[in-house]
Amino acid sequence: MANPADPQDQPPTSKDVDSEPVPKLGRGRRRRGLGFYFPPQQVISLFALIIGLVAVLALRDSCARGAGNLLKAFEPPPDAGAAVVPKP
């Protein structure tokens, strides 16, 4: 059983603690307005994503037309007869 007079069981007093001040933790950068902060790398990647999505939307019709024309080039002409399959 612990003796209440034992100094090891007592909480530390102000004499036991170092007198150096404890540094406070920073709360991050404070911005005025809405208080949002985006690092430059995230802003650049966000703009790259937006530009890519706009490019997909802008080029989808012309690419679809080009792919359709490419596939039409491999079709047989309309006046060609049925393909003859040789019998084994």
PDB file of N, CA and C in Angstrom:
ATOM      1  N   MET A   1       0.831  -1.166   0.000  1.00  0.00           N
ATOM      2  CA  MET A   1       0.000   0.000   0.000  1.00  0.00           C
ATOM      3  C   MET A   1       0.888   1.247   0.000  1.00  0.00           C
ATOM      4  N   ALA A   2       0.453   2.246  -0.785  1.00  0.00           N
ATOM      5  CA  ALA A   2       1.276   3.436  -0.934  1.00  0.00           C
ATOM      6  C   ALA A   2       1.064   4.379   0.240  1.00  0.00           C
ATOM      7  N   ASN A   3       2.137   4.958   0.679  1.00  0.00           N
ATOM      8  CA  ASN A   3       2.102   5.917   1.770  1.00  0.00           C
ATOM      9  C   ASN A   3       1.748   7.290   1.196  1.00  0.00           C
ATOM     10  N   PRO A   4       0.722   7.998   1.704  1.00  0.00           N
ATOM     11  CA  PRO A   4       0.354   9.295   1.133  1.00  0.00           C
ATOM     12  C   PRO A   4       1.460  10.329   1.276  1.00  0.00           C
ATOM     13  N   ALA A   5       2.380  10.126   2.139  1.00  0.00           N
ATOM     14  CA  ALA A   5       3.469  11.090   2.308  1.00  0.00           C
ATOM     15  C   ALA A   5       4.610  10.826   1.337  1.00  0.00           C
ATOM     16  N   ASP A   6       4.510   9.757   0.541  1.00  0.00           N
ATOM     17  CA  ASP A   6       5.570   9.413  -0.411  1.00  0.00           C
ATOM     18  C   ASP A   6       5.601  10.464  -1.528  1.00  0.00           C
ATOM     19  N   PRO A   7       6.746  11.123  -1.775  1.00  0.00           N
ATOM     20  CA  PRO A   7       6.798  12.203  -2.768  1.00  0.00           C
ATOM     21  C   PRO A   7       6.599  11.711  -4.201  1.00  0.00           C
ATOM     22  N   GLN A   8       6.804  10.434  -4.480  1.00  0.00           N
ATOM     23  CA  GLN A   8       6.650   9.938  -5.845  1.00  0.00           C
ATOM     24  C   GLN A   8       5.171   9.817  -6.235  1.00  0.00           C
ATOM     25  N   ASP A   9       4.271   9.694  -5.263  1.00  0.00           N
ATOM     26  CA  ASP A   9       2.849   9.549  -5.545  1.00  0.00           C
ATOM     27  C   ASP A   9       2.146  10.902  -5.669  1.00  0.00           C
ATOM     28  N   GLN A  10       2.803  11.994  -5.333  1.00  0.00           N
ATOM     29  CA  GLN A  10       2.192  13.315  -5.371  1.00  0.00           C
ATOM     30  C   GLN A  10       2.336  13.908  -6.777  1.00  0.00           C
ATOM     31  N   PRO A  11       1.364  14.701  -7.243  1.00  0.00           N
ATOM     32  CA  PRO A  11       1.502  15.360  -8.546  1.00  0.00           C
ATOM     33  C   PRO A  11       2.635  16.376  -8.501  1.00  0.00           C
ATOM     34  N   PRO A  12       3.259  16.634  -9.634  1.00  0.00           N
ATOM     35  CA  PRO A  12       4.375  17.590  -9.638  1.00  0.00           C
ATOM     36  C   PRO A  12       3.892  19.002  -9.339  1.00  0.00           C
ATOM     37  N   THR A  13       4.687  19.734  -8.645  1.00  0.00           N
ATOM     38  CA  THR A  13       4.371  21.124  -8.328  1.00  0.00           C
ATOM     39  C   THR A  13       5.100  22.034  -9.294  1.00  0.00           C
ATOM     40  N   SER A  14       4.864  23.309  -9.184  1.00  0.00           N
ATOM     41  CA  SER A  14       5.506  24.253 -10.091  1.00  0.00           C
ATOM     42  C   SER A  14       7.021  24.284  -9.887  1.00  0.00           C
ATOM     43  N   LYS A  15       7.501  23.868  -8.730  1.00  0.00           N
ATOM     44  CA  LYS A  15       8.947  23.831  -8.496  1.00  0.00           C
ATOM     45  C   LYS A  15       9.590  22.693  -9.279  1.00  0.00           C
ATOM     46  N   ASP A  16       8.824  21.602  -9.481  1.00  0.00           N
ATOM     47  CA  ASP A  16       9.379  20.439 -10.173  1.00  0.00           C
ATOM     48  C   ASP A  16       9.416  20.615 -11.691  1.00  0.00           C
ATOM     49  N   VAL A  17       8.556  21.426 -12.244  1.00  0.00           N
ATOM     50  CA  VAL A  17       8.448  21.604 -13.693  1.00  0.00           C
ATOM     51  C   VAL A  17       9.442  22.670 -14.131  1.00  0.00           C
ATOM     52  N   ASP A  18      10.012  22.487 -15.333  1.00  0.00           N
ATOM     53  CA  ASP A  18      10.947  23.490 -15.862  1.00  0.00           C
ATOM     54  C   ASP A  18      10.240  24.823 -16.018  1.00  0.00           C
ATOM     55  N   SER A  19      10.970  25.878 -15.885  1.00  0.00           N
ATOM     56  CA  SER A  19      10.383  27.212 -15.972  1.00  0.00           C
ATOM     57  C   SER A  19      10.321  27.724 -17.412  1.00  0.00           C
ATOM     58  N   GLU A  20      10.720  26.898 -18.392  1.00  0.00           N
ATOM     59  CA  GLU A  20      10.673  27.339 -19.786  1.00  0.00           C
ATOM     60  C   GLU A  20       9.225  27.359 -20.272  1.00  0.00           C
ATOM     61  N   PRO A  21       8.891  28.366 -21.064  1.00  0.00           N
ATOM     62  CA  PRO A  21       7.511  28.413 -21.573  1.00  0.00           C
ATOM     63  C   PRO A  21       7.282  27.309 -22.629  1.00  0.00           C
ATOM     64  N   VAL A  22       6.087  26.816 -22.667  1.00  0.00           N
ATOM     65  CA  VAL A  22       5.731  25.775 -23.629  1.00  0.00           C
ATOM     66  C   VAL A  22       5.278  26.450 -24.915  1.00  0.00           C
ATOM     67  N   PRO A  23       5.873  26.082 -26.067  1.00  0.00           N
ATOM     68  CA  PRO A  23       5.459  26.722 -27.322  1.00  0.00           C
ATOM     69  C   PRO A  23       4.040  26.299 -27.695  1.00  0.00           C
ATOM     70  N   LYS A  24       3.270  27.238 -28.239  1.00  0.00           N
ATOM     71  CA  LYS A  24       1.905  26.947 -28.657  1.00  0.00           C
ATOM     72  C   LYS A  24       1.915  26.404 -30.078  1.00  0.00           C
ATOM     73  N   LEU A  25       0.986  25.525 -30.366  1.00  0.00           N
ATOM     74  CA  LEU A  25       0.864  24.973 -31.702  1.00  0.00           C
ATOM     75  C   LEU A  25       0.202  25.984 -32.615  1.00  0.00           C
ATOM     76  N   GLY A  26       0.695  26.065 -33.840  1.00  0.00           N
ATOM     77  CA  GLY A  26       0.099  26.965 -34.814  1.00  0.00           C
ATOM     78  C   GLY A  26      -1.240  26.434 -35.290  1.00  0.00           C
ATOM     79  N   ARG A  27      -2.099  27.332 -35.685  1.00  0.00           N
ATOM     80  CA  ARG A  27      -3.416  26.934 -36.162  1.00  0.00           C
ATOM     81  C   ARG A  27      -3.498  26.989 -37.677  1.00  0.00           C
ATOM     82  N   GLY A  28      -2.404  27.049 -38.368  1.00  0.00           N
ATOM     83  CA  GLY A  28      -2.423  27.124 -39.818  1.00  0.00           C
ATOM     84  C   GLY A  28      -2.505  28.572 -40.272  1.00  0.00           C
ATOM     85  N   ARG A  29      -2.501  28.729 -41.583  1.00  0.00           N
ATOM     86  CA  ARG A  29      -2.572  30.077 -42.139  1.00  0.00           C
ATOM     87  C   ARG A  29      -3.995  30.593 -42.056  1.00  0.00           C
ATOM     88  N   ARG A  30      -4.115  31.818 -41.652  1.00  0.00           N
ATOM     89  CA  ARG A  30      -5.437  32.431 -41.557  1.00  0.00           C
ATOM     90  C   ARG A  30      -5.654  33.285 -42.798  1.00  0.00           C
ATOM     91  N   ARG A  31      -6.764  33.061 -43.459  1.00  0.00           N
ATOM     92  CA  ARG A  31      -7.104  33.842 -44.646  1.00  0.00           C
ATOM     93  C   ARG A  31      -8.373  34.623 -44.369  1.00  0.00           C
ATOM     94  N   ARG A  32      -8.448  35.783 -44.951  1.00  0.00           N
ATOM     95  CA  ARG A  32      -9.669  36.566 -44.814  1.00  0.00           C
ATOM     96  C   ARG A  32     -10.695  36.054 -45.814  1.00  0.00           C
ATOM     97  N   GLY A  33     -11.884  36.465 -45.654  1.00  0.00           N
ATOM     98  CA  GLY A  33     -12.952  36.016 -46.551  1.00  0.00           C
ATOM     99  C   GLY A  33     -13.578  34.751 -45.994  1.00  0.00           C
ATOM    100  N   LEU A  34     -13.670  33.722 -46.844  1.00  0.00           N
ATOM    101  CA  LEU A  34     -14.300  32.477 -46.418  1.00  0.00           C
ATOM    102  C   LEU A  34     -13.365  31.622 -45.571  1.00  0.00           C
ATOM    103  N   GLY A  35     -12.094  31.913 -45.582  1.00  0.00           N
ATOM    104  CA  GLY A  35     -11.160  31.174 -44.749  1.00  0.00           C
ATOM    105  C   GLY A  35     -10.608  29.927 -45.407  1.00  0.00           C
ATOM    106  N   PHE A  36     -10.863  29.732 -46.705  1.00  0.00           N
ATOM    107  CA  PHE A  36     -10.329  28.562 -47.397  1.00  0.00           C
ATOM    108  C   PHE A  36      -8.918  28.862 -47.865  1.00  0.00           C
ATOM    109  N   TYR A  37      -8.089  27.848 -47.815  1.00  0.00           N
ATOM    110  CA  TYR A  37      -6.721  27.982 -48.326  1.00  0.00           C
ATOM    111  C   TYR A  37      -6.400  26.752 -49.148  1.00  0.00           C
ATOM    112  N   PHE A  38      -5.999  26.945 -50.395  1.00  0.00           N
ATOM    113  CA  PHE A  38      -5.602  25.852 -51.267  1.00  0.00           C
ATOM    114  C   PHE A  38      -4.132  26.043 -51.623  1.00  0.00           C
ATOM    115  N   PRO A  39      -3.305  25.036 -51.391  1.00  0.00           N
ATOM    116  CA  PRO A  39      -1.902  25.149 -51.804  1.00  0.00           C
ATOM    117  C   PRO A  39      -1.800  25.280 -53.326  1.00  0.00           C
ATOM    118  N   PRO A  40      -0.744  25.910 -53.812  1.00  0.00           N
ATOM    119  CA  PRO A  40      -0.614  26.135 -55.262  1.00  0.00           C
ATOM    120  C   PRO A  40      -0.644  24.845 -56.081  1.00  0.00           C
ATOM    121  N   GLN A  41      -0.102  23.749 -55.567  1.00  0.00           N
ATOM    122  CA  GLN A  41      -0.110  22.494 -56.315  1.00  0.00           C
ATOM    123  C   GLN A  41      -1.533  22.007 -56.543  1.00  0.00           C
ATOM    124  N   GLN A  42      -2.386  22.166 -55.564  1.00  0.00           N
ATOM    125  CA  GLN A  42      -3.773  21.733 -55.720  1.00  0.00           C
ATOM    126  C   GLN A  42      -4.522  22.620 -56.699  1.00  0.00           C
ATOM    127  N   VAL A  43      -4.219  23.899 -56.701  1.00  0.00           N
ATOM    128  CA  VAL A  43      -4.877  24.821 -57.630  1.00  0.00           C
ATOM    129  C   VAL A  43      -4.470  24.479 -59.062  1.00  0.00           C
ATOM    130  N   ILE A  44      -3.191  24.205 -59.277  1.00  0.00           N
ATOM    131  CA  ILE A  44      -2.709  23.859 -60.618  1.00  0.00           C
ATOM    132  C   ILE A  44      -3.332  22.551 -61.084  1.00  0.00           C
ATOM    133  N   SER A  45      -3.397  21.548 -60.217  1.00  0.00           N
ATOM    134  CA  SER A  45      -3.980  20.276 -60.631  1.00  0.00           C
ATOM    135  C   SER A  45      -5.482  20.423 -60.881  1.00  0.00           C
ATOM    136  N   LEU A  46      -6.156  21.287 -60.130  1.00  0.00           N
ATOM    137  CA  LEU A  46      -7.578  21.531 -60.359  1.00  0.00           C
ATOM    138  C   LEU A  46      -7.797  22.187 -61.718  1.00  0.00           C
ATOM    139  N   PHE A  47      -6.989  23.167 -62.066  1.00  0.00           N
ATOM    140  CA  PHE A  47      -7.105  23.801 -63.379  1.00  0.00           C
ATOM    141  C   PHE A  47      -6.795  22.817 -64.499  1.00  0.00           C
ATOM    142  N   ALA A  48      -5.807  21.944 -64.314  1.00  0.00           N
ATOM    143  CA  ALA A  48      -5.496  20.943 -65.337  1.00  0.00           C
ATOM    144  C   ALA A  48      -6.670  19.988 -65.536  1.00  0.00           C
ATOM    145  N   LEU A  49      -7.323  19.600 -64.471  1.00  0.00           N
ATOM    146  CA  LEU A  49      -8.490  18.730 -64.568  1.00  0.00           C
ATOM    147  C   LEU A  49      -9.628  19.428 -65.305  1.00  0.00           C
ATOM    148  N   ILE A  50      -9.875  20.678 -64.990  1.00  0.00           N
ATOM    149  CA  ILE A  50     -10.942  21.430 -65.658  1.00  0.00           C
ATOM    150  C   ILE A  50     -10.641  21.586 -67.145  1.00  0.00           C
ATOM    151  N   ILE A  51      -9.403  21.900 -67.488  1.00  0.00           N
ATOM    152  CA  ILE A  51      -9.021  22.043 -68.898  1.00  0.00           C
ATOM    153  C   ILE A  51      -9.185  20.715 -69.629  1.00  0.00           C
ATOM    154  N   GLY A  52      -8.809  19.606 -68.978  1.00  0.00           N
ATOM    155  CA  GLY A  52      -8.983  18.290 -69.601  1.00  0.00           C
ATOM    156  C   GLY A  52     -10.443  17.960 -69.846  1.00  0.00           C
ATOM    157  N   LEU A  53     -11.303  18.260 -68.894  1.00  0.00           N
ATOM    158  CA  LEU A  53     -12.732  17.976 -69.074  1.00  0.00           C
ATOM    159  C   LEU A  53     -13.334  18.835 -70.184  1.00  0.00           C
ATOM    160  N   VAL A  54     -12.945  20.097 -70.258  1.00  0.00           N
ATOM    161  CA  VAL A  54     -13.434  20.971 -71.327  1.00  0.00           C
ATOM    162  C   VAL A  54     -12.940  20.470 -72.682  1.00  0.00           C
ATOM    163  N   ALA A  55     -11.697  19.992 -72.752  1.00  0.00           N
ATOM    164  CA  ALA A  55     -11.165  19.461 -74.012  1.00  0.00           C
ATOM    165  C   ALA A  55     -11.936  18.217 -74.450  1.00  0.00           C
ATOM    166  N   VAL A  56     -12.281  17.343 -73.518  1.00  0.00           N
ATOM    167  CA  VAL A  56     -13.056  16.147 -73.866  1.00  0.00           C
ATOM    168  C   VAL A  56     -14.418  16.546 -74.417  1.00  0.00           C
ATOM    169  N   LEU A  57     -15.066  17.509 -73.764  1.00  0.00           N
ATOM    170  CA  LEU A  57     -16.374  17.951 -74.238  1.00  0.00           C
ATOM    171  C   LEU A  57     -16.284  18.643 -75.598  1.00  0.00           C
ATOM    172  N   ALA A  58     -15.232  19.395 -75.838  1.00  0.00           N
ATOM    173  CA  ALA A  58     -15.095  20.129 -77.094  1.00  0.00           C
ATOM    174  C   ALA A  58     -14.718  19.216 -78.255  1.00  0.00           C
ATOM    175  N   LEU A  59     -13.944  18.180 -77.993  1.00  0.00           N
ATOM    176  CA  LEU A  59     -13.440  17.334 -79.077  1.00  0.00           C
ATOM    177  C   LEU A  59     -14.256  16.070 -79.302  1.00  0.00           C
ATOM    178  N   ARG A  60     -15.281  15.824 -78.522  1.00  0.00           N
ATOM    179  CA  ARG A  60     -15.977  14.542 -78.624  1.00  0.00           C
ATOM    180  C   ARG A  60     -16.681  14.369 -79.962  1.00  0.00           C
ATOM    181  N   ASP A  61     -17.288  15.421 -80.530  1.00  0.00           N
ATOM    182  CA  ASP A  61     -18.002  15.280 -81.800  1.00  0.00           C
ATOM    183  C   ASP A  61     -17.049  15.027 -82.960  1.00  0.00           C
ATOM    184  N   SER A  62     -15.969  15.793 -83.032  1.00  0.00           N
ATOM    185  CA  SER A  62     -15.037  15.613 -84.146  1.00  0.00           C
ATOM    186  C   SER A  62     -14.318  14.267 -84.065  1.00  0.00           C
ATOM    187  N   CYS A  63     -14.002  13.822 -82.862  1.00  0.00           N
ATOM    188  CA  CYS A  63     -13.351  12.519 -82.725  1.00  0.00           C
ATOM    189  C   CYS A  63     -14.316  11.387 -83.071  1.00  0.00           C
ATOM    190  N   ALA A  64     -15.575  11.532 -82.683  1.00  0.00           N
ATOM    191  CA  ALA A  64     -16.563  10.505 -83.008  1.00  0.00           C
ATOM    192  C   ALA A  64     -16.775  10.431 -84.518  1.00  0.00           C
ATOM    193  N   ARG A  65     -16.823  11.588 -85.189  1.00  0.00           N
ATOM    194  CA  ARG A  65     -16.958  11.606 -86.645  1.00  0.00           C
ATOM    195  C   ARG A  65     -15.770  10.943 -87.324  1.00  0.00           C
ATOM    196  N   GLY A  66     -14.556  11.255 -86.824  1.00  0.00           N
ATOM    197  CA  GLY A  66     -13.351  10.666 -87.411  1.00  0.00           C
ATOM    198  C   GLY A  66     -13.285   9.159 -87.209  1.00  0.00           C
ATOM    199  N   ALA A  67     -13.665   8.687 -86.033  1.00  0.00           N
ATOM    200  CA  ALA A  67     -13.662   7.247 -85.782  1.00  0.00           C
ATOM    201  C   ALA A  67     -14.707   6.545 -86.642  1.00  0.00           C
ATOM    202  N   GLY A  68     -15.872   7.186 -86.835  1.00  0.00           N
ATOM    203  CA  GLY A  68     -16.910   6.608 -87.697  1.00  0.00           C
ATOM    204  C   GLY A  68     -16.439   6.509 -89.137  1.00  0.00           C
ATOM    205  N   ASN A  69     -15.761   7.535 -89.634  1.00  0.00           N
ATOM    206  CA  ASN A  69     -15.231   7.493 -91.001  1.00  0.00           C
ATOM    207  C   ASN A  69     -14.163   6.424 -91.152  1.00  0.00           C
ATOM    208  N   LEU A  70     -13.357   6.231 -90.118  1.00  0.00           N
ATOM    209  CA  LEU A  70     -12.327   5.196 -90.187  1.00  0.00           C
ATOM    210  C   LEU A  70     -12.959   3.809 -90.274  1.00  0.00           C
ATOM    211  N   LEU A  71     -13.995   3.573 -89.500  1.00  0.00           N
ATOM    212  CA  LEU A  71     -14.654   2.272 -89.537  1.00  0.00           C
ATOM    213  C   LEU A  71     -15.395   2.063 -90.856  1.00  0.00           C
ATOM    214  N   LYS A  72     -15.942   3.135 -91.426  1.00  0.00           N
ATOM    215  CA  LYS A  72     -16.620   3.013 -92.722  1.00  0.00           C
ATOM    216  C   LYS A  72     -15.640   2.651 -93.828  1.00  0.00           C
ATOM    217  N   ALA A  73     -14.393   3.024 -93.670  1.00  0.00           N
ATOM    218  CA  ALA A  73     -13.394   2.733 -94.702  1.00  0.00           C
ATOM    219  C   ALA A  73     -13.144   1.232 -94.822  1.00  0.00           C
ATOM    220  N   PHE A  74     -13.418   0.448 -93.798  1.00  0.00           N
ATOM    221  CA  PHE A  74     -13.175  -0.986 -93.845  1.00  0.00           C
ATOM    222  C   PHE A  74     -14.406  -1.780 -94.293  1.00  0.00           C
ATOM    223  N   GLU A  75     -15.541  -1.106 -94.480  1.00  0.00           N
ATOM    224  CA  GLU A  75     -16.731  -1.803 -94.950  1.00  0.00           C
ATOM    225  C   GLU A  75     -16.615  -2.065 -96.444  1.00  0.00           C
ATOM    226  N   PRO A  76     -17.203  -3.157 -96.903  1.00  0.00           N
ATOM    227  CA  PRO A  76     -17.190  -3.392 -98.363  1.00  0.00           C
ATOM    228  C   PRO A  76     -18.114  -2.393 -99.060  1.00  0.00           C
ATOM    229  N   PRO A  77     -17.894  -2.122-100.330  1.00  0.00           N
ATOM    230  CA  PRO A  77     -18.760  -1.181-101.055  1.00  0.00           C
ATOM    231  C   PRO A  77     -20.197  -1.706-101.095  1.00  0.00           C
ATOM    232  N   PRO A  78     -21.174  -0.797-101.184  1.00  0.00           N
ATOM    233  CA  PRO A  78     -22.564  -1.248-101.147  1.00  0.00           C
ATOM    234  C   PRO A  78     -22.975  -2.103-102.347  1.00  0.00           C
ATOM    235  N   ASP A  79     -22.301  -1.982-103.507  1.00  0.00           N
ATOM    236  CA  ASP A  79     -22.683  -2.768-104.680  1.00  0.00           C
ATOM    237  C   ASP A  79     -22.000  -4.134-104.705  1.00  0.00           C
ATOM    238  N   ALA A  80     -21.178  -4.429-103.735  1.00  0.00           N
ATOM    239  CA  ALA A  80     -20.513  -5.739-103.685  1.00  0.00           C
ATOM    240  C   ALA A  80     -21.516  -6.791-103.257  1.00  0.00           C
ATOM    241  N   GLY A  81     -21.372  -7.987-103.788  1.00  0.00           N
ATOM    242  CA  GLY A  81     -22.276  -9.076-103.441  1.00  0.00           C
ATOM    243  C   GLY A  81     -21.891  -9.668-102.104  1.00  0.00           C
ATOM    244  N   ALA A  82     -22.583 -10.684-101.750  1.00  0.00           N
ATOM    245  CA  ALA A  82     -22.293 -11.368-100.484  1.00  0.00           C
ATOM    246  C   ALA A  82     -20.914 -12.030-100.571  1.00  0.00           C
ATOM    247  N   ALA A  83     -20.236 -12.034 -99.471  1.00  0.00           N
ATOM    248  CA  ALA A  83     -18.903 -12.626 -99.454  1.00  0.00           C
ATOM    249  C   ALA A  83     -19.035 -14.137 -99.595  1.00  0.00           C
ATOM    250  N   VAL A  84     -18.191 -14.719-100.460  1.00  0.00           N
ATOM    251  CA  VAL A  84     -18.221 -16.168-100.679  1.00  0.00           C
ATOM    252  C   VAL A  84     -17.289 -16.795 -99.684  1.00  0.00           C
ATOM    253  N   VAL A  85     -17.845 -17.705 -98.884  1.00  0.00           N
ATOM    254  CA  VAL A  85     -17.043 -18.400 -97.883  1.00  0.00           C
ATOM    255  C   VAL A  85     -16.709 -19.785 -98.470  1.00  0.00           C
ATOM    256  N   PRO A  86     -15.425 -20.072 -98.651  1.00  0.00           N
ATOM    257  CA  PRO A  86     -15.090 -21.390 -99.200  1.00  0.00           C
ATOM    258  C   PRO A  86     -15.425 -22.499 -98.225  1.00  0.00           C
ATOM    259  N   LYS A  87     -15.922 -23.614 -98.792  1.00  0.00           N
ATOM    260  CA  LYS A  87     -16.255 -24.748 -97.940  1.00  0.00           C
ATOM    261  C   LYS A  87     -15.021 -25.599 -97.754  1.00  0.00           C
ATOM    262  N   PRO A  88     -14.832 -26.124 -96.592  1.00  0.00           N
ATOM    263  CA  PRO A  88     -13.639 -26.946 -96.356  1.00  0.00           C
ATOM    264  C   PRO A  88     -13.714 -28.319 -96.998  1.00  0.00           C
TER     265      PRO A  88
END
